[in-house]
Amino acid sequence: MTNAEGKAVISTYGFAGAPIGKYKVIVRKNVDDDLVYGTNSTGGKEVVAFKIYRTVEPQFSDVKTTPHEIEITGKEKKVEATFDVGKAIKVQF
């Protein structure tokens, strides 16, 4: 999960950080759109249907095809990396 600036914090089994090693980096981002509203039992508006769209090119969301990797050596206190995930897309799935 990322914050509003698109930054993620890596965690393993609920603890901050990751064991020493090389890791593939995958990025997935989905958005709900095309909302259809209806009326609930109290007369208020509620979403009754929507479509889900992928917004990152598929190659970056699969461990077999992502070109991105990160290495944790244990010597660093903090690892910062930036990854290019291509152009924004909007593909329904």
C-alpha atoms as a PDB file:
ATOM      1  CA  MET A   1       0.000   0.000   0.000  1.00  0.00           C
ATOM      2  CA  THR A   2       1.209   3.484  -0.750  1.00  0.00           C
ATOM      3  CA  ASN A   3       0.598   6.794   0.915  1.00  0.00           C
ATOM      4  CA  ALA A   4      -0.634   9.950  -0.825  1.00  0.00           C
ATOM      5  CA  GLU A   5       2.857  10.574  -2.255  1.00  0.00           C
ATOM      6  CA  GLY A   6       3.041   7.063  -3.746  1.00  0.00           C
ATOM      7  CA  LYS A   7       5.539   5.814  -1.160  1.00  0.00           C
ATOM      8  CA  ALA A   8       5.324   2.330   0.286  1.00  0.00           C
ATOM      9  CA  VAL A   9       6.756   0.867   3.472  1.00  0.00           C
ATOM     10  CA  ILE A  10       7.889  -2.726   3.176  1.00  0.00           C
ATOM     11  CA  SER A  11       6.815  -5.056   5.946  1.00  0.00           C
ATOM     12  CA  THR A  12       7.157  -8.778   6.572  1.00  0.00           C
ATOM     13  CA  TYR A  13       4.577 -10.577   8.682  1.00  0.00           C
ATOM     14  CA  GLY A  14       3.481  -7.272  10.195  1.00  0.00           C
ATOM     15  CA  PHE A  15       6.965  -6.041  11.081  1.00  0.00           C
ATOM     16  CA  ALA A  16       8.699  -3.126   9.330  1.00  0.00           C
ATOM     17  CA  GLY A  17      11.447  -4.151   6.928  1.00  0.00           C
ATOM     18  CA  ALA A  18      12.389  -7.324   5.111  1.00  0.00           C
ATOM     19  CA  PRO A  19      15.005 -10.042   5.527  1.00  0.00           C
ATOM     20  CA  ILE A  20      18.339  -9.703   3.712  1.00  0.00           C
ATOM     21  CA  GLY A  21      18.018 -10.699   0.072  1.00  0.00           C
ATOM     22  CA  LYS A  22      17.023  -9.679  -3.439  1.00  0.00           C
ATOM     23  CA  TYR A  23      13.362  -9.095  -4.167  1.00  0.00           C
ATOM     24  CA  LYS A  24      11.286  -8.525  -7.269  1.00  0.00           C
ATOM     25  CA  VAL A  25       9.186  -5.359  -7.022  1.00  0.00           C
ATOM     26  CA  ILE A  26       5.641  -5.516  -8.322  1.00  0.00           C
ATOM     27  CA  VAL A  27       3.216  -2.614  -8.521  1.00  0.00           C
ATOM     28  CA  ARG A  28      -0.551  -2.961  -8.719  1.00  0.00           C
ATOM     29  CA  LYS A  29      -3.039  -0.152  -8.608  1.00  0.00           C
ATOM     30  CA  ASN A  30      -6.744  -0.569  -9.160  1.00  0.00           C
ATOM     31  CA  VAL A  31      -9.476   2.047  -9.034  1.00  0.00           C
ATOM     32  CA  ASP A  32     -13.240   1.828  -8.787  1.00  0.00           C
ATOM     33  CA  ASP A  33     -15.049   3.974 -11.344  1.00  0.00           C
ATOM     34  CA  ASP A  34     -18.275   4.225 -13.308  1.00  0.00           C
ATOM     35  CA  LEU A  35     -20.252   4.188 -10.082  1.00  0.00           C
ATOM     36  CA  VAL A  36     -23.975   3.519 -10.245  1.00  0.00           C
ATOM     37  CA  TYR A  37     -25.991   4.933  -7.363  1.00  0.00           C
ATOM     38  CA  GLY A  38     -29.236   3.721  -5.879  1.00  0.00           C
ATOM     39  CA  THR A  39     -31.299   4.568  -2.833  1.00  0.00           C
ATOM     40  CA  ASN A  40     -30.856   2.684   0.431  1.00  0.00           C
ATOM     41  CA  SER A  41     -33.591   1.807   2.926  1.00  0.00           C
ATOM     42  CA  THR A  42     -33.274   5.171   4.700  1.00  0.00           C
ATOM     43  CA  GLY A  43     -33.577   7.154   1.465  1.00  0.00           C
ATOM     44  CA  GLY A  44     -29.871   7.953   1.175  1.00  0.00           C
ATOM     45  CA  LYS A  45     -27.648   7.433  -1.841  1.00  0.00           C
ATOM     46  CA  GLU A  46     -25.436   4.368  -2.031  1.00  0.00           C
ATOM     47  CA  VAL A  47     -23.239   2.745  -4.656  1.00  0.00           C
ATOM     48  CA  VAL A  48     -24.981  -0.306  -6.096  1.00  0.00           C
ATOM     49  CA  ALA A  49     -22.554  -1.121  -8.922  1.00  0.00           C
ATOM     50  CA  PHE A  50     -19.106  -0.124 -10.158  1.00  0.00           C
ATOM     51  CA  LYS A  51     -16.298  -1.222 -12.455  1.00  0.00           C
ATOM     52  CA  ILE A  52     -12.734  -1.938 -11.412  1.00  0.00           C
ATOM     53  CA  TYR A  53      -9.877  -0.717 -13.586  1.00  0.00           C
ATOM     54  CA  ARG A  54      -6.158  -1.530 -13.590  1.00  0.00           C
ATOM     55  CA  THR A  55      -4.087   1.667 -13.835  1.00  0.00           C
ATOM     56  CA  VAL A  56      -0.532   0.281 -14.076  1.00  0.00           C
ATOM     57  CA  GLU A  57       0.806  -1.564 -17.107  1.00  0.00           C
ATOM     58  CA  PRO A  58       0.435  -5.344 -16.522  1.00  0.00           C
ATOM     59  CA  GLN A  59       4.152  -6.159 -16.895  1.00  0.00           C
ATOM     60  CA  PHE A  60       4.878  -4.307 -13.659  1.00  0.00           C
ATOM     61  CA  SER A  61       2.319  -6.251 -11.601  1.00  0.00           C
ATOM     62  CA  ASP A  62       3.615  -9.756 -12.274  1.00  0.00           C
ATOM     63  CA  VAL A  63       6.690 -11.203 -10.568  1.00  0.00           C
ATOM     64  CA  LYS A  64       7.587 -13.055 -13.801  1.00  0.00           C
ATOM     65  CA  THR A  65       7.634  -9.931 -15.981  1.00  0.00           C
ATOM     66  CA  THR A  66       8.580  -6.998 -13.764  1.00  0.00           C
ATOM     67  CA  PRO A  67      12.046  -5.658 -14.500  1.00  0.00           C
ATOM     68  CA  HIS A  68      12.327  -4.090 -11.048  1.00  0.00           C
ATOM     69  CA  GLU A  69      14.317  -5.527  -8.167  1.00  0.00           C
ATOM     70  CA  ILE A  70      15.516  -4.294  -4.793  1.00  0.00           C
ATOM     71  CA  GLU A  71      18.240  -5.698  -2.580  1.00  0.00           C
ATOM     72  CA  ILE A  72      18.307  -5.578   1.205  1.00  0.00           C
ATOM     73  CA  THR A  73      21.878  -6.035   2.472  1.00  0.00           C
ATOM     74  CA  GLY A  74      21.325  -5.427   6.157  1.00  0.00           C
ATOM     75  CA  LYS A  75      23.853  -2.584   6.160  1.00  0.00           C
ATOM     76  CA  GLU A  76      21.342   0.163   5.426  1.00  0.00           C
ATOM     77  CA  LYS A  77      18.938   1.663   7.917  1.00  0.00           C
ATOM     78  CA  LYS A  78      16.606   2.856   5.178  1.00  0.00           C
ATOM     79  CA  VAL A  79      16.279   1.896   1.524  1.00  0.00           C
ATOM     80  CA  GLU A  80      14.790   4.363  -0.901  1.00  0.00           C
ATOM     81  CA  ALA A  81      14.114   3.491  -4.522  1.00  0.00           C
ATOM     82  CA  THR A  82      12.066   4.918  -7.345  1.00  0.00           C
ATOM     83  CA  PHE A  83      10.577   2.680 -10.040  1.00  0.00           C
ATOM     84  CA  ASP A  84       9.224   3.673 -13.431  1.00  0.00           C
ATOM     85  CA  VAL A  85       5.956   1.841 -14.021  1.00  0.00           C
ATOM     86  CA  GLY A  86       5.214   3.168 -17.481  1.00  0.00           C
ATOM     87  CA  LYS A  87       2.361   5.341 -18.583  1.00  0.00           C
ATOM     88  CA  ALA A  88      -0.949   5.447 -16.765  1.00  0.00           C
ATOM     89  CA  ILE A  89      -3.586   3.144 -18.244  1.00  0.00           C
ATOM     90  CA  LYS A  90      -7.240   2.409 -17.545  1.00  0.00           C
ATOM     91  CA  VAL A  91      -8.169  -1.162 -18.431  1.00  0.00           C
ATOM     92  CA  GLN A  92     -11.226  -2.856 -16.975  1.00  0.00           C
ATOM     93  CA  PHE A  93     -10.818  -6.325 -15.534  1.00  0.00           C
END
